[in-house]
Amino acid sequence: ILRSVVAHALDYDAGVLPCRLVLPYTGRIDEAVRRVAARTFGATAAEL
């Protein structure tokens, strides 16, 4: 679910909007994806 839904949440926007509008919002999703993915390793994002 993380791979196919959360990480791709902005795909539509990225296809129709200029990058300068979408890129500022990717950081928060990047952090969330990294945090959840790290937990699948049994770690925190900082410990990766």
ModelCIF file with pLDDT and N, C-alpha, C, O atoms, coordinates in Angstrom:
data_MODEL
#
_entry.id   MODEL 
#
_entity.id                         1 
_entity.type                       polymer 
_entity.pdbx_number_of_molecules   1 
#
_entity_poly.entity_id                      1 
_entity_poly.type                           'polypeptide(L)' 
_entity_poly.nstd_linkage                   no 
_entity_poly.nstd_monomer                   no 
_entity_poly.pdbx_seq_one_letter_code       ILRSVVAHALDYDAGVLPCRLVLPYTGRIDEAVRRVAARTFGATAAEL 
_entity_poly.pdbx_seq_one_letter_code_can   ILRSVVAHALDYDAGVLPCRLVLPYTGRIDEAVRRVAARTFGATAAEL 
_entity_poly.pdbx_strand_id                 A 
#
loop_
_entity_poly_seq.entity_id 
_entity_poly_seq.num 
_entity_poly_seq.mon_id 
_entity_poly_seq.hetero 
1 1  ILE n 
1 2  LEU n 
1 3  ARG n 
1 4  SER n 
1 5  VAL n 
1 6  VAL n 
1 7  ALA n 
1 8  HIS n 
1 9  ALA n 
1 10 LEU n 
1 11 ASP n 
1 12 TYR n 
1 13 ASP n 
1 14 ALA n 
1 15 GLY n 
1 16 VAL n 
1 17 LEU n 
1 18 PRO n 
1 19 CYS n 
1 20 ARG n 
1 21 LEU n 
1 22 VAL n 
1 23 LEU n 
1 24 PRO n 
1 25 TYR n 
1 26 THR n 
1 27 GLY n 
1 28 ARG n 
1 29 ILE n 
1 30 ASP n 
1 31 GLU n 
1 32 ALA n 
1 33 VAL n 
1 34 ARG n 
1 35 ARG n 
1 36 VAL n 
1 37 ALA n 
1 38 ALA n 
1 39 ARG n 
1 40 THR n 
1 41 PHE n 
1 42 GLY n 
1 43 ALA n 
1 44 THR n 
1 45 ALA n 
1 46 ALA n 
1 47 GLU n 
1 48 LEU n 
#
_struct_asym.id          A 
_struct_asym.entity_id   1 
#
loop_
_ma_qa_metric.id 
_ma_qa_metric.mode 
_ma_qa_metric.name 
_ma_qa_metric.software_group_id 
_ma_qa_metric.type 
1 global pLDDT . pLDDT 
2 local  pLDDT . pLDDT 
#
_ma_qa_metric_global.metric_id      1 
_ma_qa_metric_global.metric_value   84.98 
_ma_qa_metric_global.model_id       1 
_ma_qa_metric_global.ordinal_id     1 
#
loop_
_ma_qa_metric_local.label_asym_id 
_ma_qa_metric_local.label_comp_id 
_ma_qa_metric_local.label_seq_id 
_ma_qa_metric_local.metric_id 
_ma_qa_metric_local.metric_value 
_ma_qa_metric_local.model_id 
_ma_qa_metric_local.ordinal_id 
A ILE 1  2 89.00 1 1  
A LEU 2  2 89.00 1 2  
A ARG 3  2 86.00 1 3  
A SER 4  2 87.00 1 4  
A VAL 5  2 91.00 1 5  
A VAL 6  2 91.00 1 6  
A ALA 7  2 89.00 1 7  
A HIS 8  2 88.00 1 8  
A ALA 9  2 90.00 1 9  
A LEU 10 2 88.00 1 10 
A ASP 11 2 85.00 1 11 
A TYR 12 2 85.00 1 12 
A ASP 13 2 85.00 1 13 
A ALA 14 2 81.00 1 14 
A GLY 15 2 76.00 1 15 
A VAL 16 2 79.00 1 16 
A LEU 17 2 80.00 1 17 
A PRO 18 2 76.00 1 18 
A CYS 19 2 77.00 1 19 
A ARG 20 2 76.00 1 20 
A LEU 21 2 82.00 1 21 
A VAL 22 2 84.00 1 22 
A LEU 23 2 83.00 1 23 
A PRO 24 2 84.00 1 24 
A TYR 25 2 87.00 1 25 
A THR 26 2 88.00 1 26 
A GLY 27 2 87.00 1 27 
A ARG 28 2 91.00 1 28 
A ILE 29 2 92.00 1 29 
A ASP 30 2 89.00 1 30 
A GLU 31 2 90.00 1 31 
A ALA 32 2 92.00 1 32 
A VAL 33 2 90.00 1 33 
A ARG 34 2 88.00 1 34 
A ARG 35 2 90.00 1 35 
A VAL 36 2 90.00 1 36 
A ALA 37 2 87.00 1 37 
A ALA 38 2 85.00 1 38 
A ARG 39 2 85.00 1 39 
A THR 40 2 80.00 1 40 
A PHE 41 2 75.00 1 41 
A GLY 42 2 77.00 1 42 
A ALA 43 2 79.00 1 43 
A THR 44 2 83.00 1 44 
A ALA 45 2 82.00 1 45 
A ALA 46 2 83.00 1 46 
A GLU 47 2 85.00 1 47 
A LEU 48 2 83.00 1 48 
#
loop_
_atom_site.group_PDB 
_atom_site.id 
_atom_site.type_symbol 
_atom_site.label_atom_id 
_atom_site.label_alt_id 
_atom_site.label_comp_id 
_atom_site.label_asym_id 
_atom_site.label_entity_id 
_atom_site.label_seq_id 
_atom_site.pdbx_PDB_ins_code 
_atom_site.Cartn_x 
_atom_site.Cartn_y 
_atom_site.Cartn_z 
_atom_site.occupancy 
_atom_site.B_iso_or_equiv 
_atom_site.pdbx_formal_charge 
_atom_site.auth_seq_id 
_atom_site.auth_comp_id 
_atom_site.auth_asym_id 
_atom_site.auth_atom_id 
_atom_site.pdbx_PDB_model_num 
ATOM 1   N N  . ILE A 1 1  ? 0.842  -1.203 0.000   1.00 89.00 ? 1  ILE A N  1 
ATOM 2   C CA . ILE A 1 1  ? 0.000  0.000  0.000   1.00 89.00 ? 1  ILE A CA 1 
ATOM 3   C C  . ILE A 1 1  ? 0.871  1.245  0.000   1.00 89.00 ? 1  ILE A C  1 
ATOM 4   O O  . ILE A 1 1  ? 0.582  2.214  -0.701  1.00 89.00 ? 1  ILE A O  1 
ATOM 5   N N  . LEU A 1 2  ? 1.933  1.215  0.785   1.00 89.00 ? 2  LEU A N  1 
ATOM 6   C CA . LEU A 1 2  ? 2.856  2.357  0.844   1.00 89.00 ? 2  LEU A CA 1 
ATOM 7   C C  . LEU A 1 2  ? 3.469  2.607  -0.533  1.00 89.00 ? 2  LEU A C  1 
ATOM 8   O O  . LEU A 1 2  ? 3.547  3.747  -0.990  1.00 89.00 ? 2  LEU A O  1 
ATOM 9   N N  . ARG A 1 3  ? 3.901  1.529  -1.185  1.00 86.00 ? 3  ARG A N  1 
ATOM 10  C CA . ARG A 1 3  ? 4.554  1.621  -2.491  1.00 86.00 ? 3  ARG A CA 1 
ATOM 11  C C  . ARG A 1 3  ? 3.597  2.079  -3.582  1.00 86.00 ? 3  ARG A C  1 
ATOM 12  O O  . ARG A 1 3  ? 3.957  2.922  -4.404  1.00 86.00 ? 3  ARG A O  1 
ATOM 13  N N  . SER A 1 4  ? 2.387  1.536  -3.602  1.00 87.00 ? 4  SER A N  1 
ATOM 14  C CA . SER A 1 4  ? 1.492  1.794  -4.727  1.00 87.00 ? 4  SER A CA 1 
ATOM 15  C C  . SER A 1 4  ? 0.531  2.955  -4.518  1.00 87.00 ? 4  SER A C  1 
ATOM 16  O O  . SER A 1 4  ? 0.023  3.498  -5.499  1.00 87.00 ? 4  SER A O  1 
ATOM 17  N N  . VAL A 1 5  ? 0.266  3.353  -3.294  1.00 91.00 ? 5  VAL A N  1 
ATOM 18  C CA . VAL A 1 5  ? -0.702 4.426  -3.055  1.00 91.00 ? 5  VAL A CA 1 
ATOM 19  C C  . VAL A 1 5  ? -0.030 5.675  -2.497  1.00 91.00 ? 5  VAL A C  1 
ATOM 20  O O  . VAL A 1 5  ? -0.094 6.740  -3.111  1.00 91.00 ? 5  VAL A O  1 
ATOM 21  N N  . VAL A 1 6  ? 0.610  5.554  -1.343  1.00 91.00 ? 6  VAL A N  1 
ATOM 22  C CA . VAL A 1 6  ? 1.156  6.741  -0.679  1.00 91.00 ? 6  VAL A CA 1 
ATOM 23  C C  . VAL A 1 6  ? 2.275  7.371  -1.502  1.00 91.00 ? 6  VAL A C  1 
ATOM 24  O O  . VAL A 1 6  ? 2.267  8.581  -1.727  1.00 91.00 ? 6  VAL A O  1 
ATOM 25  N N  . ALA A 1 7  ? 3.230  6.574  -1.949  1.00 89.00 ? 7  ALA A N  1 
ATOM 26  C CA . ALA A 1 7  ? 4.369  7.128  -2.698  1.00 89.00 ? 7  ALA A CA 1 
ATOM 27  C C  . ALA A 1 7  ? 3.934  7.733  -4.025  1.00 89.00 ? 7  ALA A C  1 
ATOM 28  O O  . ALA A 1 7  ? 4.645  8.570  -4.581  1.00 89.00 ? 7  ALA A O  1 
ATOM 29  N N  . HIS A 1 8  ? 2.786  7.327  -4.539  1.00 88.00 ? 8  HIS A N  1 
ATOM 30  C CA . HIS A 1 8  ? 2.308  7.831  -5.836  1.00 88.00 ? 8  HIS A CA 1 
ATOM 31  C C  . HIS A 1 8  ? 1.132  8.791  -5.687  1.00 88.00 ? 8  HIS A C  1 
ATOM 32  O O  . HIS A 1 8  ? 0.415  9.039  -6.657  1.00 88.00 ? 8  HIS A O  1 
ATOM 33  N N  . ALA A 1 9  ? 0.924  9.329  -4.504  1.00 90.00 ? 9  ALA A N  1 
ATOM 34  C CA . ALA A 1 9  ? -0.233 10.190 -4.243  1.00 90.00 ? 9  ALA A CA 1 
ATOM 35  C C  . ALA A 1 9  ? -0.246 11.447 -5.106  1.00 90.00 ? 9  ALA A C  1 
ATOM 36  O O  . ALA A 1 9  ? -1.315 11.986 -5.393  1.00 90.00 ? 9  ALA A O  1 
ATOM 37  N N  . LEU A 1 10 ? 0.912  11.915 -5.517  1.00 88.00 ? 10 LEU A N  1 
ATOM 38  C CA . LEU A 1 10 ? 0.971  13.165 -6.276  1.00 88.00 ? 10 LEU A CA 1 
ATOM 39  C C  . LEU A 1 10 ? 1.232  12.950 -7.763  1.00 88.00 ? 10 LEU A C  1 
ATOM 40  O O  . LEU A 1 10 ? 1.531  13.909 -8.474  1.00 88.00 ? 10 LEU A O  1 
ATOM 41  N N  . ASP A 1 11 ? 1.128  11.731 -8.244  1.00 85.00 ? 11 ASP A N  1 
ATOM 42  C CA . ASP A 1 11 ? 1.408  11.453 -9.658  1.00 85.00 ? 11 ASP A CA 1 
ATOM 43  C C  . ASP A 1 11 ? 0.510  12.252 -10.593 1.00 85.00 ? 11 ASP A C  1 
ATOM 44  O O  . ASP A 1 11 ? 0.986  12.835 -11.567 1.00 85.00 ? 11 ASP A O  1 
ATOM 45  N N  . TYR A 1 12 ? -0.787 12.281 -10.301 1.00 85.00 ? 12 TYR A N  1 
ATOM 46  C CA . TYR A 1 12 ? -1.690 13.024 -11.180 1.00 85.00 ? 12 TYR A CA 1 
ATOM 47  C C  . TYR A 1 12 ? -1.298 14.499 -11.207 1.00 85.00 ? 12 TYR A C  1 
ATOM 48  O O  . TYR A 1 12 ? -1.177 15.101 -12.275 1.00 85.00 ? 12 TYR A O  1 
ATOM 49  N N  . ASP A 1 13 ? -1.102 15.068 -10.028 1.00 85.00 ? 13 ASP A N  1 
ATOM 50  C CA . ASP A 1 13 ? -0.733 16.488 -9.948  1.00 85.00 ? 13 ASP A CA 1 
ATOM 51  C C  . ASP A 1 13 ? 0.579  16.746 -10.678 1.00 85.00 ? 13 ASP A C  1 
ATOM 52  O O  . ASP A 1 13 ? 0.733  17.769 -11.344 1.00 85.00 ? 13 ASP A O  1 
ATOM 53  N N  . ALA A 1 14 ? 1.514  15.827 -10.552 1.00 81.00 ? 14 ALA A N  1 
ATOM 54  C CA . ALA A 1 14 ? 2.814  15.990 -11.203 1.00 81.00 ? 14 ALA A CA 1 
ATOM 55  C C  . ALA A 1 14 ? 2.696  15.957 -12.712 1.00 81.00 ? 14 ALA A C  1 
ATOM 56  O O  . ALA A 1 14 ? 3.506  16.565 -13.411 1.00 81.00 ? 14 ALA A O  1 
ATOM 57  N N  . GLY A 1 15 ? 1.708  15.264 -13.218 1.00 76.00 ? 15 GLY A N  1 
ATOM 58  C CA . GLY A 1 15 ? 1.519  15.190 -14.656 1.00 76.00 ? 15 GLY A CA 1 
ATOM 59  C C  . GLY A 1 15 ? 0.847  16.408 -15.254 1.00 76.00 ? 15 GLY A C  1 
ATOM 60  O O  . GLY A 1 15 ? 1.019  16.688 -16.441 1.00 76.00 ? 15 GLY A O  1 
ATOM 61  N N  . VAL A 1 16 ? 0.077  17.146 -14.449 1.00 79.00 ? 16 VAL A N  1 
ATOM 62  C CA . VAL A 1 16 ? -0.690 18.263 -14.997 1.00 79.00 ? 16 VAL A CA 1 
ATOM 63  C C  . VAL A 1 16 ? -0.267 19.625 -14.467 1.00 79.00 ? 16 VAL A C  1 
ATOM 64  O O  . VAL A 1 16 ? -0.621 20.650 -15.050 1.00 79.00 ? 16 VAL A O  1 
ATOM 65  N N  . LEU A 1 17 ? 0.476  19.652 -13.385 1.00 80.00 ? 17 LEU A N  1 
ATOM 66  C CA . LEU A 1 17 ? 0.904  20.925 -12.805 1.00 80.00 ? 17 LEU A CA 1 
ATOM 67  C C  . LEU A 1 17 ? 2.408  21.106 -12.969 1.00 80.00 ? 17 LEU A C  1 
ATOM 68  O O  . LEU A 1 17 ? 3.138  20.118 -13.042 1.00 80.00 ? 17 LEU A O  1 
ATOM 69  N N  . PRO A 1 18 ? 2.882  22.338 -13.029 1.00 76.00 ? 18 PRO A N  1 
ATOM 70  C CA . PRO A 1 18 ? 4.331  22.560 -13.076 1.00 76.00 ? 18 PRO A CA 1 
ATOM 71  C C  . PRO A 1 18 ? 4.998  22.016 -11.808 1.00 76.00 ? 18 PRO A C  1 
ATOM 72  O O  . PRO A 1 18 ? 4.411  22.033 -10.726 1.00 76.00 ? 18 PRO A O  1 
ATOM 73  N N  . CYS A 1 19 ? 6.214  21.542 -11.963 1.00 77.00 ? 19 CYS A N  1 
ATOM 74  C CA . CYS A 1 19 ? 6.959  20.978 -10.832 1.00 77.00 ? 19 CYS A CA 1 
ATOM 75  C C  . CYS A 1 19 ? 7.073  21.975 -9.677  1.00 77.00 ? 19 CYS A C  1 
ATOM 76  O O  . CYS A 1 19 ? 7.063  21.580 -8.511  1.00 77.00 ? 19 CYS A O  1 
ATOM 77  N N  . ARG A 1 20 ? 7.180  23.260 -10.000 1.00 76.00 ? 20 ARG A N  1 
ATOM 78  C CA . ARG A 1 20 ? 7.366  24.252 -8.937  1.00 76.00 ? 20 ARG A CA 1 
ATOM 79  C C  . ARG A 1 20 ? 6.176  24.315 -7.995  1.00 76.00 ? 20 ARG A C  1 
ATOM 80  O O  . ARG A 1 20 ? 6.311  24.779 -6.863  1.00 76.00 ? 20 ARG A O  1 
ATOM 81  N N  . LEU A 1 21 ? 5.003  23.853 -8.443  1.00 82.00 ? 21 LEU A N  1 
ATOM 82  C CA . LEU A 1 21 ? 3.841  23.823 -7.565  1.00 82.00 ? 21 LEU A CA 1 
ATOM 83  C C  . LEU A 1 21 ? 3.782  22.547 -6.731  1.00 82.00 ? 21 LEU A C  1 
ATOM 84  O O  . LEU A 1 21 ? 3.299  22.562 -5.599  1.00 82.00 ? 21 LEU A O  1 
ATOM 85  N N  . VAL A 1 22 ? 4.271  21.449 -7.289  1.00 84.00 ? 22 VAL A N  1 
ATOM 86  C CA . VAL A 1 22 ? 4.116  20.147 -6.637  1.00 84.00 ? 22 VAL A CA 1 
ATOM 87  C C  . VAL A 1 22 ? 5.305  19.803 -5.732  1.00 84.00 ? 22 VAL A C  1 
ATOM 88  O O  . VAL A 1 22 ? 5.117  19.251 -4.647  1.00 84.00 ? 22 VAL A O  1 
ATOM 89  N N  . LEU A 1 23 ? 6.517  20.125 -6.169  1.00 83.00 ? 23 LEU A N  1 
ATOM 90  C CA . LEU A 1 23 ? 7.713  19.729 -5.406  1.00 83.00 ? 23 LEU A CA 1 
ATOM 91  C C  . LEU A 1 23 ? 7.734  20.189 -3.954  1.00 83.00 ? 23 LEU A C  1 
ATOM 92  O O  . LEU A 1 23 ? 8.202  19.435 -3.101  1.00 83.00 ? 23 LEU A O  1 
ATOM 93  N N  . PRO A 1 24 ? 7.249  21.392 -3.627  1.00 84.00 ? 24 PRO A N  1 
ATOM 94  C CA . PRO A 1 24 ? 7.282  21.778 -2.213  1.00 84.00 ? 24 PRO A CA 1 
ATOM 95  C C  . PRO A 1 24 ? 6.479  20.855 -1.300  1.00 84.00 ? 24 PRO A C  1 
ATOM 96  O O  . PRO A 1 24 ? 6.709  20.841 -0.091  1.00 84.00 ? 24 PRO A O  1 
ATOM 97  N N  . TYR A 1 25 ? 5.548  20.092 -1.849  1.00 87.00 ? 25 TYR A N  1 
ATOM 98  C CA . TYR A 1 25 ? 4.704  19.217 -1.034  1.00 87.00 ? 25 TYR A CA 1 
ATOM 99  C C  . TYR A 1 25 ? 5.230  17.793 -0.949  1.00 87.00 ? 25 TYR A C  1 
ATOM 100 O O  . TYR A 1 25 ? 4.701  16.980 -0.191  1.00 87.00 ? 25 TYR A O  1 
ATOM 101 N N  . THR A 1 26 ? 6.257  17.485 -1.712  1.00 88.00 ? 26 THR A N  1 
ATOM 102 C CA . THR A 1 26 ? 6.768  16.113 -1.714  1.00 88.00 ? 26 THR A CA 1 
ATOM 103 C C  . THR A 1 26 ? 7.555  15.785 -0.453  1.00 88.00 ? 26 THR A C  1 
ATOM 104 O O  . THR A 1 26 ? 7.612  14.622 -0.055  1.00 88.00 ? 26 THR A O  1 
ATOM 105 N N  . GLY A 1 27 ? 8.156  16.771 0.179   1.00 87.00 ? 27 GLY A N  1 
ATOM 106 C CA . GLY A 1 27 ? 8.988  16.512 1.357   1.00 87.00 ? 27 GLY A CA 1 
ATOM 107 C C  . GLY A 1 27 ? 8.236  15.848 2.482   1.00 87.00 ? 27 GLY A C  1 
ATOM 108 O O  . GLY A 1 27 ? 8.750  14.928 3.118   1.00 87.00 ? 27 GLY A O  1 
ATOM 109 N N  . ARG A 1 28 ? 7.017  16.306 2.738   1.00 91.00 ? 28 ARG A N  1 
ATOM 110 C CA . ARG A 1 28 ? 6.225  15.724 3.829   1.00 91.00 ? 28 ARG A CA 1 
ATOM 111 C C  . ARG A 1 28 ? 5.867  14.270 3.514   1.00 91.00 ? 28 ARG A C  1 
ATOM 112 O O  . ARG A 1 28 ? 5.894  13.413 4.397   1.00 91.00 ? 28 ARG A O  1 
ATOM 113 N N  . ILE A 1 29 ? 5.536  14.005 2.265   1.00 92.00 ? 29 ILE A N  1 
ATOM 114 C CA . ILE A 1 29 ? 5.199  12.626 1.890   1.00 92.00 ? 29 ILE A CA 1 
ATOM 115 C C  . ILE A 1 29 ? 6.461  11.772 1.895   1.00 92.00 ? 29 ILE A C  1 
ATOM 116 O O  . ILE A 1 29 ? 6.419  10.613 2.308   1.00 92.00 ? 29 ILE A O  1 
ATOM 117 N N  . ASP A 1 30 ? 7.594  12.334 1.437   1.00 89.00 ? 30 ASP A N  1 
ATOM 118 C CA . ASP A 1 30 ? 8.871  11.615 1.491   1.00 89.00 ? 30 ASP A CA 1 
ATOM 119 C C  . ASP A 1 30 ? 9.164  11.143 2.919   1.00 89.00 ? 30 ASP A C  1 
ATOM 120 O O  . ASP A 1 30 ? 9.523  9.987  3.143   1.00 89.00 ? 30 ASP A O  1 
ATOM 121 N N  . GLU A 1 31 ? 9.005  12.052 3.870   1.00 90.00 ? 31 GLU A N  1 
ATOM 122 C CA . GLU A 1 31 ? 9.281  11.714 5.274   1.00 90.00 ? 31 GLU A CA 1 
ATOM 123 C C  . GLU A 1 31 ? 8.347  10.629 5.781   1.00 90.00 ? 31 GLU A C  1 
ATOM 124 O O  . GLU A 1 31 ? 8.779  9.712  6.479   1.00 90.00 ? 31 GLU A O  1 
ATOM 125 N N  . ALA A 1 32 ? 7.055  10.729 5.431   1.00 92.00 ? 32 ALA A N  1 
ATOM 126 C CA . ALA A 1 32 ? 6.085  9.721  5.878   1.00 92.00 ? 32 ALA A CA 1 
ATOM 127 C C  . ALA A 1 32 ? 6.404  8.355  5.268   1.00 92.00 ? 32 ALA A C  1 
ATOM 128 O O  . ALA A 1 32 ? 6.356  7.337  5.958   1.00 92.00 ? 32 ALA A O  1 
ATOM 129 N N  . VAL A 1 33 ? 6.726  8.337  3.988   1.00 90.00 ? 33 VAL A N  1 
ATOM 130 C CA . VAL A 1 33 ? 7.067  7.082  3.315   1.00 90.00 ? 33 VAL A CA 1 
ATOM 131 C C  . VAL A 1 33 ? 8.307  6.471  3.955   1.00 90.00 ? 33 VAL A C  1 
ATOM 132 O O  . VAL A 1 33 ? 8.347  5.271  4.231   1.00 90.00 ? 33 VAL A O  1 
ATOM 133 N N  . ARG A 1 34 ? 9.305  7.293  4.185   1.00 88.00 ? 34 ARG A N  1 
ATOM 134 C CA . ARG A 1 34 ? 10.549 6.806  4.791   1.00 88.00 ? 34 ARG A CA 1 
ATOM 135 C C  . ARG A 1 34 ? 10.313 6.263  6.210   1.00 88.00 ? 34 ARG A C  1 
ATOM 136 O O  . ARG A 1 34 ? 10.883 5.244  6.600   1.00 88.00 ? 34 ARG A O  1 
ATOM 137 N N  . ARG A 1 35 ? 9.464  6.962  6.970   1.00 90.00 ? 35 ARG A N  1 
ATOM 138 C CA . ARG A 1 35 ? 9.178  6.531  8.348   1.00 90.00 ? 35 ARG A CA 1 
ATOM 139 C C  . ARG A 1 35 ? 8.489  5.169  8.365   1.00 90.00 ? 35 ARG A C  1 
ATOM 140 O O  . ARG A 1 35 ? 8.880  4.281  9.123   1.00 90.00 ? 35 ARG A O  1 
ATOM 141 N N  . VAL A 1 36 ? 7.459  5.006  7.527   1.00 90.00 ? 36 VAL A N  1 
ATOM 142 C CA . VAL A 1 36 ? 6.717  3.739  7.508   1.00 90.00 ? 36 VAL A CA 1 
ATOM 143 C C  . VAL A 1 36 ? 7.583  2.621  6.939   1.00 90.00 ? 36 VAL A C  1 
ATOM 144 O O  . VAL A 1 36 ? 7.570  1.501  7.450   1.00 90.00 ? 36 VAL A O  1 
ATOM 145 N N  . ALA A 1 37 ? 8.330  2.920  5.889   1.00 87.00 ? 37 ALA A N  1 
ATOM 146 C CA . ALA A 1 37 ? 9.201  1.897  5.302   1.00 87.00 ? 37 ALA A CA 1 
ATOM 147 C C  . ALA A 1 37 ? 10.268 1.452  6.296   1.00 87.00 ? 37 ALA A C  1 
ATOM 148 O O  . ALA A 1 37 ? 10.595 0.268  6.373   1.00 87.00 ? 37 ALA A O  1 
ATOM 149 N N  . ALA A 1 38 ? 10.805 2.393  7.048   1.00 85.00 ? 38 ALA A N  1 
ATOM 150 C CA . ALA A 1 38 ? 11.817 2.036  8.049   1.00 85.00 ? 38 ALA A CA 1 
ATOM 151 C C  . ALA A 1 38 ? 11.232 1.104  9.100   1.00 85.00 ? 38 ALA A C  1 
ATOM 152 O O  . ALA A 1 38 ? 11.907 0.192  9.577   1.00 85.00 ? 38 ALA A O  1 
ATOM 153 N N  . ARG A 1 39 ? 9.988  1.333  9.455   1.00 85.00 ? 39 ARG A N  1 
ATOM 154 C CA . ARG A 1 39 ? 9.350  0.471  10.456  1.00 85.00 ? 39 ARG A CA 1 
ATOM 155 C C  . ARG A 1 39 ? 9.217  -0.954 9.935   1.00 85.00 ? 39 ARG A C  1 
ATOM 156 O O  . ARG A 1 39 ? 9.232  -1.897 10.726  1.00 85.00 ? 39 ARG A O  1 
ATOM 157 N N  . THR A 1 40 ? 9.086  -1.136 8.615   1.00 80.00 ? 40 THR A N  1 
ATOM 158 C CA . THR A 1 40 ? 9.032  -2.499 8.076   1.00 80.00 ? 40 THR A CA 1 
ATOM 159 C C  . THR A 1 40 ? 10.374 -3.205 8.258   1.00 80.00 ? 40 THR A C  1 
ATOM 160 O O  . THR A 1 40 ? 10.437 -4.434 8.277   1.00 80.00 ? 40 THR A O  1 
ATOM 161 N N  . PHE A 1 41 ? 11.449 -2.417 8.394   1.00 75.00 ? 41 PHE A N  1 
ATOM 162 C CA . PHE A 1 41 ? 12.770 -2.975 8.700   1.00 75.00 ? 41 PHE A CA 1 
ATOM 163 C C  . PHE A 1 41 ? 12.955 -3.161 10.200  1.00 75.00 ? 41 PHE A C  1 
ATOM 164 O O  . PHE A 1 41 ? 13.957 -3.730 10.633  1.00 75.00 ? 41 PHE A O  1 
ATOM 165 N N  . GLY A 1 42 ? 12.000 -2.689 10.996  1.00 77.00 ? 42 GLY A N  1 
ATOM 166 C CA . GLY A 1 42 ? 12.135 -2.746 12.449  1.00 77.00 ? 42 GLY A CA 1 
ATOM 167 C C  . GLY A 1 42 ? 13.031 -1.646 12.971  1.00 77.00 ? 42 GLY A C  1 
ATOM 168 O O  . GLY A 1 42 ? 13.712 -1.826 13.980  1.00 77.00 ? 42 GLY A O  1 
ATOM 169 N N  . ALA A 1 43 ? 13.042 -0.504 12.295  1.00 79.00 ? 43 ALA A N  1 
ATOM 170 C CA . ALA A 1 43 ? 13.899 0.615  12.691  1.00 79.00 ? 43 ALA A CA 1 
ATOM 171 C C  . ALA A 1 43 ? 13.114 1.916  12.580  1.00 79.00 ? 43 ALA A C  1 
ATOM 172 O O  . ALA A 1 43 ? 11.949 1.931  12.181  1.00 79.00 ? 43 ALA A O  1 
ATOM 173 N N  . THR A 1 44 ? 13.779 2.999  12.940  1.00 83.00 ? 44 THR A N  1 
ATOM 174 C CA . THR A 1 44 ? 13.201 4.321  12.711  1.00 83.00 ? 44 THR A CA 1 
ATOM 175 C C  . THR A 1 44 ? 13.876 4.907  11.476  1.00 83.00 ? 44 THR A C  1 
ATOM 176 O O  . THR A 1 44 ? 14.920 4.419  11.043  1.00 83.00 ? 44 THR A O  1 
ATOM 177 N N  . ALA A 1 45 ? 13.286 5.942  10.919  1.00 82.00 ? 45 ALA A N  1 
ATOM 178 C CA . ALA A 1 45 ? 13.850 6.557  9.710   1.00 82.00 ? 45 ALA A CA 1 
ATOM 179 C C  . ALA A 1 45 ? 15.266 7.057  9.966   1.00 82.00 ? 45 ALA A C  1 
ATOM 180 O O  . ALA A 1 45 ? 16.122 6.966  9.085   1.00 82.00 ? 45 ALA A O  1 
ATOM 181 N N  . ALA A 1 46 ? 15.522 7.581  11.153  1.00 83.00 ? 46 ALA A N  1 
ATOM 182 C CA . ALA A 1 46 ? 16.857 8.094  11.478  1.00 83.00 ? 46 ALA A CA 1 
ATOM 183 C C  . ALA A 1 46 ? 17.893 6.973  11.576  1.00 83.00 ? 46 ALA A C  1 
ATOM 184 O O  . ALA A 1 46 ? 19.083 7.202  11.358  1.00 83.00 ? 46 ALA A O  1 
ATOM 185 N N  . GLU A 1 47 ? 17.441 5.769  11.901  1.00 85.00 ? 47 GLU A N  1 
ATOM 186 C CA . GLU A 1 47 ? 18.366 4.640  12.066  1.00 85.00 ? 47 GLU A CA 1 
ATOM 187 C C  . GLU A 1 47 ? 18.717 3.945  10.749  1.00 85.00 ? 47 GLU A C  1 
ATOM 188 O O  . GLU A 1 47 ? 19.618 3.106  10.720  1.00 85.00 ? 47 GLU A O  1 
ATOM 189 N N  . LEU A 1 48 ? 18.023 4.281  9.665   1.00 83.00 ? 48 LEU A N  1 
ATOM 190 C CA . LEU A 1 48 ? 18.311 3.625  8.386   1.00 83.00 ? 48 LEU A CA 1 
ATOM 191 C C  . LEU A 1 48 ? 19.709 3.982  7.917   1.00 83.00 ? 48 LEU A C  1 
ATOM 192 O O  . LEU A 1 48 ? 20.140 3.527  6.857   1.00 83.00 ? 48 LEU A O  1 
#
